[in-house]
Amino acid sequence: MHIVLHQPEIPANTGNIGRTCVATGTALHLIEPLGFHLDEKSIKRAGMDYWHKLDVTRYMNMQEFREKNPGAKIWYATTKAKRLYTEAAFSPDDYIMFGKESAGIPEELLVENEETCIRIPMLDEIRSLNLSNAVAIVLYEALRQTGFAGMQREGELHRLSWGQTIEIP
């Protein structure tokens, strides 16, 4: 799975998204211009000590992204779409694009790709969700649809065991 951020502006969002990508084995693609430098403390703070494990690629513009990813199936996450993200049929090698925080994905890209534009439903009183939250919502639906391939599906307790009878004083 691939997450594409088109001209992200807020380093903390990109750091959070990077951490989510590391946790899910998802590649992150950043299309410039970025609203920050990748060496900023806020990116590393949000991504914590995981940033060095991130599969991240930068592109100078959308044209370079297309040239380096020919034939990529791209889902465009936008508040302007008619189709819900839960109605998309995701595949393991799909790309999910999100736009910059202040303006979203350019409408020229949306009009060219109406059939793969998706949205998260929300009340009309709010313009949009936080970018890192939106990425997590859509990415985890895509991963659910593709069976969470290669991901840990069960956790273990540290001190106790599941099903253990505990006496509470």
N, C-alpha and C. Protein backbone atom coordinates (compact mmCIF):
# COMPACT_ATOMS: atom_id res chain seq x y z
N MET A 1 0.86 -1.17 0.00
CA MET A 1 0.00 0.00 0.00
C MET A 1 0.90 1.23 0.00
N HIS A 2 0.38 2.32 -0.56
CA HIS A 2 1.14 3.55 -0.67
C HIS A 2 0.28 4.74 -0.26
N ILE A 3 0.85 5.65 0.53
CA ILE A 3 0.21 6.91 0.86
C ILE A 3 0.97 8.01 0.13
N VAL A 4 0.22 8.90 -0.52
CA VAL A 4 0.82 10.02 -1.24
C VAL A 4 0.31 11.31 -0.60
N LEU A 5 1.23 12.17 -0.20
CA LEU A 5 0.86 13.48 0.31
C LEU A 5 1.24 14.52 -0.73
N HIS A 6 0.23 15.20 -1.27
CA HIS A 6 0.46 16.23 -2.29
C HIS A 6 0.64 17.57 -1.60
N GLN A 7 1.88 18.04 -1.55
CA GLN A 7 2.26 19.33 -0.99
C GLN A 7 1.82 19.52 0.47
N PRO A 8 2.17 18.59 1.36
CA PRO A 8 1.79 18.76 2.76
C PRO A 8 2.44 20.01 3.36
N GLU A 9 1.74 20.61 4.33
CA GLU A 9 2.19 21.89 4.89
C GLU A 9 2.60 21.82 6.35
N ILE A 10 2.07 20.88 7.11
CA ILE A 10 2.28 20.85 8.56
C ILE A 10 3.18 19.66 8.92
N PRO A 11 4.37 19.94 9.45
CA PRO A 11 5.31 18.84 9.71
C PRO A 11 4.80 17.80 10.70
N ALA A 12 4.05 18.22 11.70
CA ALA A 12 3.56 17.24 12.68
C ALA A 12 2.61 16.23 12.03
N ASN A 13 1.79 16.68 11.10
CA ASN A 13 0.90 15.75 10.39
C ASN A 13 1.71 14.74 9.59
N THR A 14 2.72 15.23 8.87
CA THR A 14 3.55 14.32 8.07
C THR A 14 4.31 13.35 8.97
N GLY A 15 4.77 13.81 10.12
CA GLY A 15 5.43 12.91 11.07
C GLY A 15 4.50 11.83 11.58
N ASN A 16 3.28 12.22 11.93
CA ASN A 16 2.28 11.23 12.39
C ASN A 16 1.96 10.23 11.29
N ILE A 17 1.80 10.72 10.08
CA ILE A 17 1.50 9.85 8.94
C ILE A 17 2.68 8.91 8.69
N GLY A 18 3.89 9.42 8.80
CA GLY A 18 5.07 8.57 8.64
C GLY A 18 5.09 7.45 9.66
N ARG A 19 4.74 7.74 10.89
CA ARG A 19 4.70 6.70 11.93
C ARG A 19 3.63 5.66 11.60
N THR A 20 2.47 6.11 11.13
CA THR A 20 1.41 5.17 10.74
C THR A 20 1.90 4.29 9.58
N CYS A 21 2.62 4.89 8.64
CA CYS A 21 3.15 4.11 7.51
C CYS A 21 4.14 3.05 7.98
N VAL A 22 5.02 3.41 8.91
CA VAL A 22 5.97 2.43 9.44
C VAL A 22 5.22 1.30 10.13
N ALA A 23 4.20 1.62 10.91
CA ALA A 23 3.44 0.62 11.67
C ALA A 23 2.67 -0.33 10.76
N THR A 24 2.40 0.09 9.53
CA THR A 24 1.59 -0.72 8.62
C THR A 24 2.37 -1.24 7.41
N GLY A 25 3.66 -0.94 7.34
CA GLY A 25 4.45 -1.38 6.19
C GLY A 25 4.06 -0.67 4.91
N THR A 26 3.60 0.56 5.03
CA THR A 26 3.12 1.34 3.90
C THR A 26 4.18 2.34 3.46
N ALA A 27 4.37 2.47 2.15
CA ALA A 27 5.32 3.46 1.62
C ALA A 27 4.68 4.84 1.64
N LEU A 28 5.50 5.85 1.90
CA LEU A 28 5.04 7.24 1.90
C LEU A 28 5.69 7.98 0.75
N HIS A 29 4.88 8.70 -0.02
CA HIS A 29 5.35 9.48 -1.15
C HIS A 29 5.00 10.94 -0.89
N LEU A 30 6.00 11.82 -0.98
CA LEU A 30 5.81 13.25 -0.72
C LEU A 30 6.04 14.03 -2.01
N ILE A 31 5.00 14.75 -2.45
CA ILE A 31 5.11 15.57 -3.65
C ILE A 31 5.32 17.01 -3.24
N GLU A 32 6.41 17.61 -3.69
CA GLU A 32 6.77 18.98 -3.32
C GLU A 32 5.94 20.00 -4.11
N PRO A 33 5.93 21.25 -3.63
CA PRO A 33 6.70 21.76 -2.51
C PRO A 33 6.11 21.35 -1.17
N LEU A 34 7.00 21.11 -0.21
CA LEU A 34 6.60 20.82 1.16
C LEU A 34 6.58 22.13 1.94
N GLY A 35 5.74 22.23 2.94
CA GLY A 35 5.66 23.43 3.75
C GLY A 35 6.63 23.42 4.91
N PHE A 36 7.68 22.59 4.84
CA PHE A 36 8.64 22.41 5.92
C PHE A 36 9.85 21.68 5.38
N HIS A 37 10.88 21.57 6.21
CA HIS A 37 12.06 20.78 5.87
C HIS A 37 11.94 19.44 6.57
N LEU A 38 12.36 18.39 5.90
CA LEU A 38 12.23 17.05 6.50
C LEU A 38 13.13 16.84 7.71
N ASP A 39 14.07 17.72 7.94
CA ASP A 39 14.92 17.55 9.12
C ASP A 39 14.40 18.33 10.32
N GLU A 40 13.21 18.91 10.21
CA GLU A 40 12.66 19.67 11.33
C GLU A 40 12.37 18.76 12.52
N LYS A 41 12.57 19.32 13.70
CA LYS A 41 12.34 18.57 14.94
C LYS A 41 10.91 18.06 15.04
N SER A 42 9.95 18.85 14.58
CA SER A 42 8.54 18.46 14.75
C SER A 42 8.20 17.21 13.95
N ILE A 43 8.84 17.00 12.81
CA ILE A 43 8.60 15.76 12.05
C ILE A 43 9.16 14.60 12.83
N LYS A 44 10.37 14.74 13.30
CA LYS A 44 10.99 13.65 14.02
C LYS A 44 10.27 13.38 15.33
N ARG A 45 9.77 14.43 16.00
CA ARG A 45 9.04 14.25 17.25
C ARG A 45 7.75 13.47 17.00
N ALA A 46 7.01 13.86 15.96
CA ALA A 46 5.75 13.17 15.67
C ALA A 46 6.00 11.74 15.20
N GLY A 47 7.07 11.53 14.45
CA GLY A 47 7.40 10.20 13.97
C GLY A 47 8.20 9.41 14.98
N MET A 48 8.57 10.07 16.05
CA MET A 48 9.39 9.52 17.12
C MET A 48 10.65 8.90 16.55
N ASP A 49 11.03 7.76 17.06
CA ASP A 49 12.27 7.14 16.61
C ASP A 49 12.04 6.19 15.43
N TYR A 50 10.89 6.34 14.77
CA TYR A 50 10.56 5.44 13.67
C TYR A 50 10.92 6.02 12.30
N TRP A 51 11.22 7.32 12.24
CA TRP A 51 11.39 7.99 10.94
C TRP A 51 12.44 7.31 10.07
N HIS A 52 13.54 6.83 10.67
CA HIS A 52 14.60 6.18 9.90
C HIS A 52 14.15 4.85 9.28
N LYS A 53 13.05 4.28 9.78
CA LYS A 53 12.53 3.02 9.24
C LYS A 53 11.51 3.23 8.12
N LEU A 54 11.17 4.49 7.86
CA LEU A 54 10.13 4.82 6.89
C LEU A 54 10.62 4.67 5.46
N ASP A 55 9.81 4.02 4.63
CA ASP A 55 10.05 3.94 3.19
C ASP A 55 9.43 5.20 2.59
N VAL A 56 10.24 6.25 2.40
CA VAL A 56 9.72 7.54 1.94
C VAL A 56 10.44 7.97 0.67
N THR A 57 9.67 8.49 -0.29
CA THR A 57 10.21 8.99 -1.55
C THR A 57 9.67 10.40 -1.78
N ARG A 58 10.56 11.29 -2.20
CA ARG A 58 10.17 12.68 -2.50
C ARG A 58 10.18 12.90 -4.01
N TYR A 59 9.25 13.73 -4.46
CA TYR A 59 9.14 14.08 -5.87
C TYR A 59 9.08 15.59 -6.00
N MET A 60 9.69 16.13 -7.02
CA MET A 60 9.70 17.58 -7.23
C MET A 60 8.31 18.11 -7.59
N ASN A 61 7.50 17.28 -8.25
CA ASN A 61 6.16 17.71 -8.66
C ASN A 61 5.34 16.48 -9.05
N MET A 62 4.08 16.72 -9.44
CA MET A 62 3.18 15.62 -9.81
C MET A 62 3.67 14.90 -11.06
N GLN A 63 4.27 15.63 -11.97
CA GLN A 63 4.78 15.02 -13.20
C GLN A 63 5.85 13.99 -12.89
N GLU A 64 6.78 14.33 -12.01
CA GLU A 64 7.82 13.37 -11.63
C GLU A 64 7.20 12.16 -10.94
N PHE A 65 6.21 12.38 -10.07
CA PHE A 65 5.53 11.26 -9.41
C PHE A 65 4.94 10.31 -10.45
N ARG A 66 4.25 10.86 -11.45
CA ARG A 66 3.63 10.02 -12.50
C ARG A 66 4.68 9.28 -13.31
N GLU A 67 5.78 9.95 -13.63
CA GLU A 67 6.85 9.31 -14.41
C GLU A 67 7.47 8.15 -13.66
N LYS A 68 7.64 8.29 -12.36
CA LYS A 68 8.30 7.25 -11.56
C LYS A 68 7.35 6.16 -11.08
N ASN A 69 6.03 6.37 -11.25
CA ASN A 69 5.04 5.38 -10.83
C ASN A 69 4.02 5.17 -11.96
N PRO A 70 4.50 4.76 -13.14
CA PRO A 70 3.57 4.61 -14.27
C PRO A 70 2.53 3.52 -14.00
N GLY A 71 1.30 3.80 -14.38
CA GLY A 71 0.24 2.82 -14.21
C GLY A 71 -0.27 2.68 -12.78
N ALA A 72 0.18 3.54 -11.87
CA ALA A 72 -0.26 3.44 -10.47
C ALA A 72 -1.76 3.68 -10.38
N LYS A 73 -2.45 2.83 -9.62
CA LYS A 73 -3.87 3.07 -9.34
C LYS A 73 -3.94 4.00 -8.13
N ILE A 74 -4.46 5.20 -8.36
CA ILE A 74 -4.48 6.21 -7.32
C ILE A 74 -5.92 6.51 -6.91
N TRP A 75 -6.16 6.46 -5.61
CA TRP A 75 -7.42 6.89 -5.02
C TRP A 75 -7.18 8.29 -4.47
N TYR A 76 -8.05 9.22 -4.79
CA TYR A 76 -7.91 10.62 -4.39
C TYR A 76 -8.87 10.91 -3.25
N ALA A 77 -8.34 11.10 -2.04
CA ALA A 77 -9.17 11.37 -0.86
C ALA A 77 -9.48 12.86 -0.81
N THR A 78 -10.76 13.19 -0.90
CA THR A 78 -11.18 14.59 -0.94
C THR A 78 -12.57 14.75 -0.35
N THR A 79 -12.80 15.88 0.26
CA THR A 79 -14.13 16.17 0.81
C THR A 79 -15.13 16.45 -0.31
N LYS A 80 -14.66 16.57 -1.54
CA LYS A 80 -15.53 16.91 -2.67
C LYS A 80 -16.08 15.69 -3.42
N ALA A 81 -15.64 14.49 -3.05
CA ALA A 81 -16.02 13.27 -3.78
C ALA A 81 -17.46 12.87 -3.50
N LYS A 82 -18.01 12.09 -4.42
CA LYS A 82 -19.35 11.53 -4.27
C LYS A 82 -19.31 10.14 -3.65
N ARG A 83 -18.22 9.41 -3.85
CA ARG A 83 -18.08 8.03 -3.38
C ARG A 83 -17.42 7.98 -2.01
N LEU A 84 -17.93 7.14 -1.12
CA LEU A 84 -17.35 6.96 0.20
C LEU A 84 -16.11 6.06 0.11
N TYR A 85 -15.17 6.26 1.00
CA TYR A 85 -13.96 5.44 1.02
C TYR A 85 -14.28 3.97 1.25
N THR A 86 -15.39 3.67 1.92
CA THR A 86 -15.78 2.28 2.17
C THR A 86 -16.36 1.62 0.93
N GLU A 87 -16.65 2.40 -0.10
CA GLU A 87 -17.17 1.86 -1.36
C GLU A 87 -16.07 1.58 -2.37
N ALA A 88 -14.86 1.97 -2.05
CA ALA A 88 -13.72 1.70 -2.93
C ALA A 88 -13.30 0.24 -2.76
N ALA A 89 -12.81 -0.34 -3.84
CA ALA A 89 -12.27 -1.71 -3.79
C ALA A 89 -10.75 -1.60 -3.88
N PHE A 90 -10.10 -1.57 -2.72
CA PHE A 90 -8.66 -1.37 -2.66
C PHE A 90 -7.91 -2.65 -2.98
N SER A 91 -6.74 -2.50 -3.60
CA SER A 91 -5.81 -3.59 -3.87
C SER A 91 -4.50 -3.30 -3.13
N PRO A 92 -3.70 -4.33 -2.86
CA PRO A 92 -2.48 -4.13 -2.05
C PRO A 92 -1.48 -3.12 -2.60
N ASP A 93 -1.45 -2.91 -3.90
CA ASP A 93 -0.47 -2.00 -4.48
C ASP A 93 -1.03 -0.63 -4.81
N ASP A 94 -2.23 -0.32 -4.30
CA ASP A 94 -2.86 0.97 -4.60
C ASP A 94 -2.16 2.13 -3.89
N TYR A 95 -2.36 3.31 -4.46
CA TYR A 95 -1.86 4.56 -3.91
C TYR A 95 -3.08 5.36 -3.45
N ILE A 96 -3.00 5.95 -2.27
CA ILE A 96 -4.07 6.80 -1.76
C ILE A 96 -3.49 8.18 -1.54
N MET A 97 -4.00 9.15 -2.30
CA MET A 97 -3.47 10.50 -2.26
C MET A 97 -4.31 11.41 -1.38
N PHE A 98 -3.62 12.26 -0.63
CA PHE A 98 -4.24 13.28 0.21
C PHE A 98 -3.59 14.61 -0.13
N GLY A 99 -4.38 15.68 -0.11
CA GLY A 99 -3.87 17.00 -0.46
C GLY A 99 -3.37 17.77 0.73
N LYS A 100 -2.86 18.96 0.45
CA LYS A 100 -2.34 19.80 1.52
C LYS A 100 -3.46 20.27 2.44
N GLU A 101 -3.07 20.55 3.67
CA GLU A 101 -4.03 20.85 4.72
C GLU A 101 -4.93 22.04 4.40
N SER A 102 -4.40 23.06 3.75
CA SER A 102 -5.17 24.29 3.53
C SER A 102 -6.11 24.23 2.33
N ALA A 103 -5.85 23.34 1.38
CA ALA A 103 -6.65 23.37 0.15
C ALA A 103 -7.00 22.01 -0.43
N GLY A 104 -6.44 20.94 0.09
CA GLY A 104 -6.72 19.62 -0.46
C GLY A 104 -5.98 19.37 -1.77
N ILE A 105 -6.46 18.38 -2.51
CA ILE A 105 -5.89 18.03 -3.81
C ILE A 105 -6.38 19.04 -4.84
N PRO A 106 -5.52 19.50 -5.75
CA PRO A 106 -5.98 20.44 -6.77
C PRO A 106 -7.17 19.89 -7.56
N GLU A 107 -8.14 20.74 -7.80
CA GLU A 107 -9.36 20.30 -8.48
C GLU A 107 -9.09 19.76 -9.89
N GLU A 108 -8.03 20.21 -10.53
CA GLU A 108 -7.67 19.68 -11.85
C GLU A 108 -7.43 18.17 -11.79
N LEU A 109 -6.75 17.72 -10.73
CA LEU A 109 -6.51 16.28 -10.55
C LEU A 109 -7.81 15.55 -10.23
N LEU A 110 -8.68 16.17 -9.46
CA LEU A 110 -9.95 15.53 -9.10
C LEU A 110 -10.84 15.34 -10.32
N VAL A 111 -10.96 16.37 -11.15
CA VAL A 111 -11.81 16.31 -12.34
C VAL A 111 -11.31 15.23 -13.30
N GLU A 112 -10.00 15.09 -13.42
CA GLU A 112 -9.41 14.07 -14.31
C GLU A 112 -9.66 12.65 -13.78
N ASN A 113 -9.95 12.51 -12.50
CA ASN A 113 -10.00 11.18 -11.85
C ASN A 113 -11.25 10.99 -11.01
N GLU A 114 -12.37 11.47 -11.47
CA GLU A 114 -13.61 11.44 -10.69
C GLU A 114 -13.97 10.04 -10.19
N GLU A 115 -13.73 9.03 -11.01
CA GLU A 115 -14.12 7.65 -10.64
C GLU A 115 -13.31 7.08 -9.49
N THR A 116 -12.15 7.67 -9.19
CA THR A 116 -11.35 7.17 -8.06
C THR A 116 -11.22 8.22 -6.95
N CYS A 117 -12.13 9.17 -6.92
CA CYS A 117 -12.18 10.13 -5.81
C CYS A 117 -13.06 9.54 -4.71
N ILE A 118 -12.57 9.60 -3.48
CA ILE A 118 -13.28 9.03 -2.34
C ILE A 118 -13.32 10.05 -1.20
N ARG A 119 -14.29 9.88 -0.31
CA ARG A 119 -14.44 10.80 0.82
C ARG A 119 -14.78 10.05 2.10
N ILE A 120 -14.50 10.71 3.21
CA ILE A 120 -14.90 10.23 4.53
C ILE A 120 -16.16 11.01 4.89
N PRO A 121 -17.24 10.34 5.23
CA PRO A 121 -18.45 11.10 5.58
C PRO A 121 -18.28 11.86 6.88
N MET A 122 -18.86 13.04 6.93
CA MET A 122 -18.83 13.86 8.15
C MET A 122 -19.96 14.88 8.07
N LEU A 123 -20.26 15.50 9.17
CA LEU A 123 -21.28 16.53 9.20
C LEU A 123 -20.83 17.73 8.37
N ASP A 124 -21.80 18.48 7.85
CA ASP A 124 -21.44 19.59 6.98
C ASP A 124 -20.96 20.83 7.73
N GLU A 125 -20.99 20.82 9.05
CA GLU A 125 -20.51 21.97 9.82
C GLU A 125 -18.99 22.07 9.86
N ILE A 126 -18.32 21.02 9.44
CA ILE A 126 -16.85 21.02 9.50
C ILE A 126 -16.30 20.88 8.09
N ARG A 127 -15.22 21.60 7.83
CA ARG A 127 -14.61 21.60 6.49
C ARG A 127 -13.92 20.28 6.17
N SER A 128 -13.14 19.77 7.15
CA SER A 128 -12.41 18.52 6.92
C SER A 128 -11.86 17.99 8.23
N LEU A 129 -11.38 16.77 8.20
CA LEU A 129 -10.71 16.16 9.33
C LEU A 129 -9.22 16.53 9.31
N ASN A 130 -8.54 16.34 10.41
CA ASN A 130 -7.10 16.48 10.45
C ASN A 130 -6.49 15.49 9.45
N LEU A 131 -5.48 15.92 8.73
CA LEU A 131 -4.88 15.10 7.68
C LEU A 131 -4.39 13.75 8.19
N SER A 132 -3.69 13.72 9.31
CA SER A 132 -3.16 12.44 9.79
C SER A 132 -4.29 11.50 10.21
N ASN A 133 -5.39 12.05 10.75
CA ASN A 133 -6.54 11.21 11.09
C ASN A 133 -7.19 10.66 9.83
N ALA A 134 -7.34 11.48 8.81
CA ALA A 134 -7.95 11.04 7.55
C ALA A 134 -7.12 9.93 6.91
N VAL A 135 -5.81 10.09 6.91
CA VAL A 135 -4.94 9.04 6.36
C VAL A 135 -5.15 7.73 7.11
N ALA A 136 -5.17 7.78 8.43
CA ALA A 136 -5.34 6.56 9.23
C ALA A 136 -6.67 5.88 8.94
N ILE A 137 -7.73 6.66 8.84
CA ILE A 137 -9.06 6.09 8.58
C ILE A 137 -9.08 5.35 7.26
N VAL A 138 -8.65 6.01 6.20
CA VAL A 138 -8.72 5.41 4.86
C VAL A 138 -7.70 4.28 4.71
N LEU A 139 -6.50 4.47 5.20
CA LEU A 139 -5.47 3.43 5.09
C LEU A 139 -5.91 2.15 5.79
N TYR A 140 -6.46 2.25 6.99
CA TYR A 140 -6.86 1.04 7.70
C TYR A 140 -8.05 0.34 7.03
N GLU A 141 -8.91 1.08 6.36
CA GLU A 141 -9.96 0.42 5.58
C GLU A 141 -9.34 -0.33 4.41
N ALA A 142 -8.38 0.28 3.73
CA ALA A 142 -7.71 -0.39 2.62
C ALA A 142 -6.98 -1.64 3.12
N LEU A 143 -6.32 -1.54 4.25
CA LEU A 143 -5.62 -2.70 4.82
C LEU A 143 -6.60 -3.79 5.25
N ARG A 144 -7.74 -3.39 5.81
CA ARG A 144 -8.77 -4.36 6.19
C ARG A 144 -9.24 -5.12 4.97
N GLN A 145 -9.51 -4.39 3.89
CA GLN A 145 -9.99 -5.03 2.67
C GLN A 145 -8.97 -5.99 2.08
N THR A 146 -7.70 -5.71 2.28
CA THR A 146 -6.65 -6.56 1.71
C THR A 146 -6.10 -7.56 2.73
N GLY A 147 -6.80 -7.73 3.86
CA GLY A 147 -6.47 -8.79 4.81
C GLY A 147 -5.35 -8.50 5.78
N PHE A 148 -4.96 -7.25 5.95
CA PHE A 148 -3.88 -6.88 6.87
C PHE A 148 -2.63 -7.74 6.63
N ALA A 149 -2.29 -7.92 5.37
CA ALA A 149 -1.18 -8.80 4.99
C ALA A 149 0.11 -8.45 5.73
N GLY A 150 0.70 -9.45 6.36
CA GLY A 150 1.98 -9.31 7.04
C GLY A 150 1.93 -8.57 8.36
N MET A 151 0.75 -8.18 8.80
CA MET A 151 0.63 -7.42 10.04
C MET A 151 0.29 -8.32 11.22
N GLN A 152 0.77 -7.96 12.38
CA GLN A 152 0.46 -8.69 13.61
C GLN A 152 -1.02 -8.49 13.91
N ARG A 153 -1.74 -9.59 14.11
CA ARG A 153 -3.18 -9.51 14.34
C ARG A 153 -3.57 -9.81 15.78
N GLU A 154 -2.62 -10.24 16.60
CA GLU A 154 -2.92 -10.53 18.00
C GLU A 154 -1.84 -9.91 18.87
N GLY A 155 -2.24 -9.48 20.06
CA GLY A 155 -1.28 -8.91 21.00
C GLY A 155 -1.15 -9.77 22.24
N GLU A 156 -0.10 -9.52 23.00
CA GLU A 156 0.13 -10.25 24.24
C GLU A 156 0.19 -9.26 25.39
N LEU A 157 -0.30 -9.69 26.54
CA LEU A 157 -0.20 -8.88 27.75
C LEU A 157 1.24 -8.96 28.28
N HIS A 158 1.62 -7.99 29.06
CA HIS A 158 2.99 -7.97 29.60
C HIS A 158 3.13 -8.84 30.85
N ARG A 159 2.21 -8.69 31.80
CA ARG A 159 2.33 -9.40 33.08
C ARG A 159 1.38 -10.58 33.22
N LEU A 160 0.21 -10.48 32.63
CA LEU A 160 -0.82 -11.49 32.81
C LEU A 160 -1.07 -12.24 31.51
N SER A 161 -1.98 -13.20 31.55
CA SER A 161 -2.35 -13.95 30.36
C SER A 161 -3.83 -13.75 30.09
N TRP A 162 -4.20 -13.75 28.82
CA TRP A 162 -5.62 -13.67 28.47
C TRP A 162 -6.35 -14.87 29.05
N GLY A 163 -7.51 -14.68 29.63
CA GLY A 163 -8.29 -15.74 30.20
C GLY A 163 -7.91 -16.12 31.62
N GLN A 164 -6.86 -15.50 32.14
CA GLN A 164 -6.40 -15.79 33.49
C GLN A 164 -7.42 -15.24 34.49
N THR A 165 -7.72 -16.02 35.53
CA THR A 165 -8.63 -15.57 36.58
C THR A 165 -7.83 -14.73 37.57
N ILE A 166 -8.34 -13.54 37.84
CA ILE A 166 -7.65 -12.61 38.72
C ILE A 166 -8.53 -12.31 39.91
N GLU A 167 -7.93 -12.35 41.09
CA GLU A 167 -8.65 -11.96 42.30
C GLU A 167 -8.41 -10.49 42.54
N ILE A 168 -9.48 -9.74 42.57
CA ILE A 168 -9.39 -8.31 42.83
C ILE A 168 -9.75 -8.07 44.28
N PRO A 169 -8.84 -7.48 45.07
CA PRO A 169 -9.09 -7.29 46.52
C PRO A 169 -10.22 -6.30 46.78
